[in-house]
């Protein structure tokens, strides 16, 4: 059947008329069917869905979506990918009601959990979301997209992945593009973890080429947020993550490097990374102090990464780092050693 229907819409229509869809769905859902057979059934159903709109209507009439969603509970990755591929084809058809994705409140969280299983699950789920979020006013969907678990998933997905980033950048949620929602999460009144993770999402989408480096959401929102995270008022982990993410954002772009170097005294701020913790009284929690003392080297590593990105292309910035008040102590010691000799 699979060989017969590939690239042949007439054969697809013939098989549907002959009642192949109910039989395939039956085999797909039978516990006694082997995983290999279930996977082949999902592949054939996906091929049938790639035919005409009438084919998709016939599949919907046979209640294919609940059967495929049930298949996503399988532990077998190949079967899950086959079900997702078929669901992607069905949901991207204009004849498929978007609401069918939300009849069960557990579906969206489960799809979010499947995002990191493989490159294919990422691709198919993102495409499903991009087509099913355009006009839906769904509290369930809204919650799924803004919660921290979803944000973290998006940051992982977008990292060095142009295809997924280009999909995410065009996703609409309640009439707003996903990057616009991320920008709102950068506001100072939001939890620090939310600000940081949203900034990482936008950074990774930018580095993947989905957002221009001169876009206002990068220059006026993301970059200043990451600079704020480098402040000595932030926790050690936040300062490390802020500096490393900022270093990654500005690394290839000289204009972003220049903007960062003059934003909120960043270069001078980085000098504090080598003086941490500055005093015992600054941290009253003894366990916290012990933790920070053990991990202070992470601050220095993050600072050096950001210094490297700042001075990657511009000689004036390099001079600021090496001669200014924000130079790291190791450079100060080196210069004094050279002077004394």
Protein backbone atom coordinates (compact mmCIF):
# COMPACT_ATOMS: atom_id res chain seq x y z
CA UNK A 1 0.00 0.00 0.00
CA UNK A 2 2.79 2.39 0.89
CA UNK A 3 4.55 1.87 -2.43
CA UNK A 4 1.29 2.20 -4.35
CA UNK A 5 0.22 5.56 -2.91
CA UNK A 6 3.52 7.47 -2.92
CA UNK A 7 3.16 10.34 -5.39
CA UNK A 8 -0.10 8.97 -6.82
CA UNK A 9 -3.21 10.91 -5.78
CA UNK A 10 -5.48 8.64 -7.81
CA UNK A 11 -4.28 5.55 -5.98
CA UNK A 12 -4.68 7.37 -2.67
CA UNK A 13 -8.29 8.20 -3.49
CA UNK A 14 -8.94 4.60 -4.60
CA UNK A 15 -7.61 3.16 -1.34
CA UNK A 16 -9.73 5.57 0.69
CA UNK A 17 -12.87 4.59 -1.27
CA UNK A 18 -12.05 0.91 -0.72
CA UNK A 19 -12.06 1.45 3.06
CA UNK A 20 -8.34 1.33 3.77
CA UNK A 21 -8.41 4.11 6.37
CA UNK A 22 -10.58 2.38 9.02
CA UNK A 23 -8.49 -0.78 8.65
CA UNK A 24 -5.21 1.12 9.02
CA UNK A 25 -6.51 2.94 12.09
CA UNK A 26 -7.65 -0.36 13.57
CA UNK A 27 -4.18 -1.85 13.17
CA UNK A 28 -2.63 1.37 14.47
CA UNK A 29 -4.56 1.13 17.74
CA UNK A 30 -4.41 -2.62 18.31
CA UNK A 31 -2.23 -3.58 21.29
CA UNK A 32 -1.38 -6.83 19.52
CA UNK A 33 0.07 -5.00 16.52
CA UNK A 34 3.85 -4.79 16.48
CA UNK A 35 5.49 -1.38 16.73
CA UNK A 36 6.86 -1.83 13.21
CA UNK A 37 3.35 -2.45 11.84
CA UNK A 38 1.93 0.54 13.70
CA UNK A 39 4.71 2.73 12.31
CA UNK A 40 4.03 1.56 8.74
CA UNK A 41 0.30 2.28 9.22
CA UNK A 42 1.12 5.83 10.37
CA UNK A 43 3.39 6.30 7.35
CA UNK A 44 0.68 5.18 4.92
CA UNK A 45 -1.90 7.41 6.61
CA UNK A 46 0.53 10.33 6.36
CA UNK A 47 0.97 9.64 2.65
CA UNK A 48 -2.81 9.58 2.16
CA UNK A 49 -3.04 12.93 3.97
CA UNK A 50 -0.58 14.45 1.49
CA UNK A 51 -3.13 14.01 -1.30
CA UNK A 52 -6.11 16.25 -1.95
CA UNK A 53 -8.19 18.18 0.58
CA UNK A 54 -10.93 15.57 0.10
CA UNK A 55 -8.45 12.95 1.28
CA UNK A 56 -7.86 14.93 4.47
CA UNK A 57 -11.62 15.30 5.00
CA UNK A 58 -12.02 11.54 4.68
CA UNK A 59 -9.29 10.96 7.25
CA UNK A 60 -10.91 13.44 9.63
CA UNK A 61 -14.28 11.71 9.19
CA UNK A 62 -12.61 8.47 10.34
CA UNK A 63 -11.43 10.23 13.55
CA UNK A 64 -7.76 9.94 12.69
CA UNK A 65 -6.56 12.71 15.03
CA UNK A 66 -7.50 11.01 18.34
CA UNK A 67 -5.86 7.79 17.11
CA UNK A 68 -2.62 9.59 16.20
CA UNK A 69 -2.56 11.56 19.44
CA UNK A 70 -2.94 8.29 21.32
CA UNK A 71 0.04 6.98 19.38
CA UNK A 72 2.20 9.76 20.84
CA UNK A 73 2.04 7.96 24.20
CA UNK A 74 4.13 5.13 22.78
CA UNK A 75 7.71 4.75 24.07
CA UNK A 76 8.94 4.04 20.53
CA UNK A 77 10.50 7.16 18.96
CA UNK A 78 10.10 6.02 15.32
CA UNK A 79 6.37 5.46 15.84
CA UNK A 80 6.01 8.82 17.59
CA UNK A 81 7.78 10.57 14.70
CA UNK A 82 5.51 8.84 12.16
CA UNK A 83 2.40 9.93 14.08
CA UNK A 84 3.69 13.50 14.40
CA UNK A 85 4.55 13.63 10.69
CA UNK A 86 1.02 12.60 9.83
CA UNK A 87 -0.46 15.06 12.34
CA UNK A 88 1.69 17.82 10.85
CA UNK A 89 0.35 17.08 7.37
CA UNK A 90 -3.25 17.03 8.60
CA UNK A 91 -3.07 20.18 10.72
CA UNK A 92 -1.34 22.17 7.99
CA UNK A 93 -4.29 21.45 5.67
CA UNK A 94 -6.78 24.33 5.40
CA UNK A 95 -9.72 21.94 5.89
CA UNK A 96 -8.61 20.85 9.37
CA UNK A 97 -10.22 22.78 12.28
CA UNK A 98 -7.49 24.05 14.63
CA UNK A 99 -9.71 23.32 17.62
CA UNK A 100 -9.19 19.58 17.16
CA UNK A 101 -5.78 19.96 18.77
CA UNK A 102 -7.30 21.26 22.01
CA UNK A 103 -10.14 18.86 22.74
CA UNK A 104 -7.93 17.21 25.38
CA UNK A 105 -6.12 19.53 27.80
CA UNK A 106 -3.25 17.04 28.21
CA UNK A 107 -2.22 17.18 24.54
CA UNK A 108 -0.30 20.49 24.59
CA UNK A 109 1.81 19.63 27.66
CA UNK A 110 2.61 16.24 26.14
CA UNK A 111 3.67 17.83 22.86
CA UNK A 112 5.90 20.19 24.82
CA UNK A 113 7.49 17.21 26.54
CA UNK A 114 8.15 15.55 23.16
CA UNK A 115 9.94 18.60 21.74
CA UNK A 116 13.37 17.52 22.86
CA UNK A 117 13.10 13.87 21.80
CA UNK A 118 14.64 14.37 18.34
CA UNK A 119 15.22 16.83 15.52
CA UNK A 120 12.11 15.51 13.79
CA UNK A 121 9.83 15.88 16.81
CA UNK A 122 11.04 19.47 17.12
CA UNK A 123 10.32 20.19 13.47
CA UNK A 124 6.87 18.57 13.33
CA UNK A 125 5.61 19.98 16.64
CA UNK A 126 6.78 23.50 15.81
CA UNK A 127 5.00 23.32 12.45
CA UNK A 128 1.83 22.07 14.15
CA UNK A 129 1.98 24.95 16.64
CA UNK A 130 2.66 27.52 13.93
CA UNK A 131 -0.52 26.52 12.08
CA UNK A 132 -2.76 26.06 15.10
CA UNK A 133 -2.02 29.27 17.00
CA UNK A 134 -3.14 31.84 14.46
CA UNK A 135 -6.67 32.60 15.59
CA UNK A 136 -7.20 30.58 18.73
CA UNK A 137 -8.04 32.27 22.00
CA UNK A 138 -7.14 29.40 24.26
CA UNK A 139 -6.15 29.77 27.90
CA UNK A 140 -4.59 26.32 27.79
CA UNK A 141 -2.39 27.27 24.85
CA UNK A 142 -1.53 30.64 26.32
CA UNK A 143 -0.47 29.01 29.57
CA UNK A 144 1.61 26.42 27.74
CA UNK A 145 3.49 29.05 25.79
CA UNK A 146 4.33 31.39 28.63
CA UNK A 147 5.22 29.04 31.42
CA UNK A 148 8.87 28.52 32.20
CA UNK A 149 8.99 24.95 30.99
CA UNK A 150 7.87 26.08 27.54
CA UNK A 151 10.35 28.97 27.54
CA UNK A 152 13.20 26.63 28.35
CA UNK A 153 12.08 24.28 25.59
CA UNK A 154 12.05 27.12 23.08
CA UNK A 155 15.54 28.23 24.09
CA UNK A 156 16.87 24.71 23.60
CA UNK A 157 15.05 24.35 20.27
CA UNK A 158 16.28 27.63 18.83
CA UNK A 159 19.95 27.16 19.76
CA UNK A 160 21.97 26.86 16.53
CA UNK A 161 18.87 25.64 14.69
CA UNK A 162 17.90 27.99 11.83
CA UNK A 163 14.98 25.86 10.63
CA UNK A 164 13.24 25.71 14.00
CA UNK A 165 14.05 29.38 14.72
CA UNK A 166 12.46 30.48 11.45
CA UNK A 167 9.35 28.49 12.39
CA UNK A 168 9.16 29.92 15.90
CA UNK A 169 9.63 33.50 14.77
CA UNK A 170 6.40 33.29 12.75
CA UNK A 171 4.24 31.59 15.39
CA UNK A 172 1.19 33.63 16.41
CA UNK A 173 -0.37 33.31 19.86
CA UNK A 174 -3.59 35.25 20.39
CA UNK A 175 -2.65 37.49 17.48
CA UNK A 176 0.89 38.20 18.72
CA UNK A 177 4.11 36.88 17.25
CA UNK A 178 6.09 34.70 19.63
CA UNK A 179 9.12 37.09 19.67
CA UNK A 180 6.78 39.89 20.78
CA UNK A 181 5.65 37.74 23.69
CA UNK A 182 9.28 37.04 24.58
CA UNK A 183 9.98 40.79 24.57
CA UNK A 184 7.16 41.37 27.07
CA UNK A 185 8.79 38.80 29.33
CA UNK A 186 11.99 40.89 29.40
CA UNK A 187 10.31 43.60 31.47
CA UNK A 188 11.82 44.35 34.86
CA UNK A 189 8.63 43.41 36.73
CA UNK A 190 8.85 39.81 35.47
CA UNK A 191 10.68 37.09 37.42
CA UNK A 192 14.42 37.12 36.77
CA UNK A 193 14.37 33.55 35.47
CA UNK A 194 11.70 34.52 32.96
CA UNK A 195 13.67 37.58 31.82
CA UNK A 196 16.84 35.56 31.37
CA UNK A 197 15.23 32.66 29.53
CA UNK A 198 13.29 34.98 27.23
CA UNK A 199 16.51 36.82 26.45
CA UNK A 200 18.16 33.48 25.62
CA UNK A 201 15.29 32.59 23.27
CA UNK A 202 15.65 35.88 21.39
CA UNK A 203 19.44 35.60 21.38
CA UNK A 204 19.39 32.11 19.88
CA UNK A 205 16.79 33.07 17.27
CA UNK A 206 18.95 36.05 16.34
CA UNK A 207 22.12 33.99 16.06
CA UNK A 208 20.22 31.43 13.96
CA UNK A 209 19.34 34.19 11.48
CA UNK A 210 15.62 34.37 12.27
CA UNK A 211 15.88 37.88 13.79
CA UNK A 212 18.10 40.67 12.44
CA UNK A 213 20.87 41.93 14.70
CA UNK A 214 19.63 45.51 14.24
CA UNK A 215 16.05 44.63 15.16
CA UNK A 216 14.74 46.75 18.04
CA UNK A 217 13.85 43.65 20.02
CA UNK A 218 17.56 42.80 20.07
CA UNK A 219 19.18 46.25 20.34
CA UNK A 220 16.68 47.92 22.69
CA UNK A 221 15.32 44.97 24.64
CA UNK A 222 17.41 41.80 24.65
CA UNK A 223 20.88 43.35 24.93
CA UNK A 224 19.97 45.77 27.77
CA UNK A 225 18.24 42.94 29.65
CA UNK A 226 21.36 40.77 29.46
CA UNK A 227 23.53 43.67 30.62
CA UNK A 228 21.21 44.06 33.63
CA UNK A 229 21.81 40.42 34.44
CA UNK A 230 25.53 41.17 34.79
CA UNK A 231 24.92 43.56 37.68
CA UNK A 232 26.42 42.69 41.07
CA UNK A 233 22.89 42.82 42.52
CA UNK A 234 22.08 39.56 40.72
CA UNK A 235 22.82 36.06 42.00
CA UNK A 236 25.98 34.29 40.86
CA UNK A 237 24.14 31.94 38.49
CA UNK A 238 22.23 34.82 36.94
CA UNK A 239 25.40 36.84 36.37
CA UNK A 240 27.15 33.86 34.77
CA UNK A 241 24.22 33.09 32.49
CA UNK A 242 23.73 36.76 31.62
CA UNK A 243 27.38 37.29 30.67
CA UNK A 244 27.67 34.07 28.67
CA UNK A 245 24.44 34.73 26.76
CA UNK A 246 25.46 38.31 26.04
CA UNK A 247 28.85 37.10 24.81
CA UNK A 248 27.13 34.69 22.44
CA UNK A 249 24.73 37.38 21.18
CA UNK A 250 27.33 40.01 20.30
CA UNK A 251 30.17 37.70 19.21
CA UNK A 252 29.74 38.04 15.41
CA UNK A 253 28.39 41.62 15.22
CA UNK A 254 30.63 44.62 15.72
CA UNK A 255 27.74 47.07 16.11
CA UNK A 256 26.25 45.04 18.96
CA UNK A 257 29.71 44.91 20.52
CA UNK A 258 29.93 48.71 20.42
CA UNK A 259 26.45 49.15 21.86
CA UNK A 260 27.12 46.66 24.65
CA UNK A 261 30.43 48.33 25.55
CA UNK A 262 28.66 51.63 26.34
CA UNK A 263 25.53 50.17 27.94
CA UNK A 264 25.19 50.67 31.69
CA UNK A 265 28.98 50.73 32.30
CA UNK A 266 29.24 47.07 31.31
CA UNK A 267 33.06 46.96 31.05
CA UNK A 268 33.48 48.40 34.53
CA UNK A 269 30.74 46.07 35.78
CA UNK A 270 32.71 43.04 34.58
CA UNK A 271 35.62 43.94 36.86
CA UNK A 272 33.38 43.00 39.79
CA UNK A 273 33.28 39.45 38.46
CA UNK A 274 36.87 39.06 39.76
CA UNK A 275 36.05 40.42 43.25
CA UNK A 276 33.30 38.00 44.19
CA UNK A 277 32.17 37.68 46.87
CA UNK A 278 33.51 41.07 47.93
CA UNK A 279 32.64 40.68 51.62
CA UNK A 280 31.15 38.06 53.90
CA UNK A 281 28.55 40.51 55.16
CA UNK A 282 27.11 40.87 51.66
CA UNK A 283 25.71 37.32 51.90
CA UNK A 284 24.06 36.44 55.19
CA UNK A 285 23.20 32.86 54.22
CA UNK A 286 26.29 30.77 55.12
CA UNK A 287 25.29 27.92 52.80
CA UNK A 288 24.85 30.42 49.97
CA UNK A 289 28.24 31.96 50.69
CA UNK A 290 29.91 28.54 50.68
CA UNK A 291 28.24 27.70 47.36
CA UNK A 292 29.31 30.98 45.79
CA UNK A 293 32.90 30.62 46.98
CA UNK A 294 33.09 27.21 45.33
CA UNK A 295 31.66 28.51 42.07
CA UNK A 296 33.31 31.93 41.85
CA UNK A 297 35.56 30.60 39.07
CA UNK A 298 32.45 30.37 36.85
CA UNK A 299 32.07 34.14 37.14
CA UNK A 300 35.64 34.67 35.96
CA UNK A 301 35.14 32.30 33.03
CA UNK A 302 31.95 34.10 32.01
CA UNK A 303 33.69 37.47 32.28
CA UNK A 304 36.56 36.37 30.03
CA UNK A 305 34.06 35.09 27.44
CA UNK A 306 32.32 38.44 27.41
CA UNK A 307 35.61 40.35 27.27
CA UNK A 308 36.58 38.23 24.26
CA UNK A 309 33.32 38.95 22.45
CA UNK A 310 33.43 42.66 23.26
CA UNK A 311 36.92 43.05 21.83
CA UNK A 312 36.58 40.63 18.94
CA UNK A 313 36.49 43.25 16.18
CA UNK A 314 36.93 46.78 17.51
CA UNK A 315 40.34 48.12 18.59
CA UNK A 316 38.78 50.97 20.58
CA UNK A 317 36.83 48.48 22.71
CA UNK A 318 39.99 46.44 23.24
CA UNK A 319 41.71 49.55 24.53
CA UNK A 320 38.82 50.21 26.91
CA UNK A 321 39.22 46.71 28.31
CA UNK A 322 43.02 46.74 28.57
CA UNK A 323 43.51 50.35 29.71
CA UNK A 324 40.25 51.31 31.38
CA UNK A 325 39.02 50.86 34.94
CA UNK A 326 37.09 47.79 33.89
CA UNK A 327 40.13 45.71 32.95
CA UNK A 328 40.39 42.32 34.63
CA UNK A 329 42.98 42.04 37.44
CA UNK A 330 45.11 39.62 35.42
CA UNK A 331 45.66 42.35 32.81
CA UNK A 332 46.47 44.87 35.55
CA UNK A 333 49.07 42.51 36.99
CA UNK A 334 50.53 41.88 33.55
CA UNK A 335 50.85 45.57 32.79
CA UNK A 336 52.50 46.26 36.17
CA UNK A 337 54.95 43.41 35.51
CA UNK A 338 55.87 44.87 32.14
CA UNK A 339 56.34 48.34 33.62
CA UNK A 340 58.56 47.09 36.45
CA UNK A 341 60.86 45.23 34.08
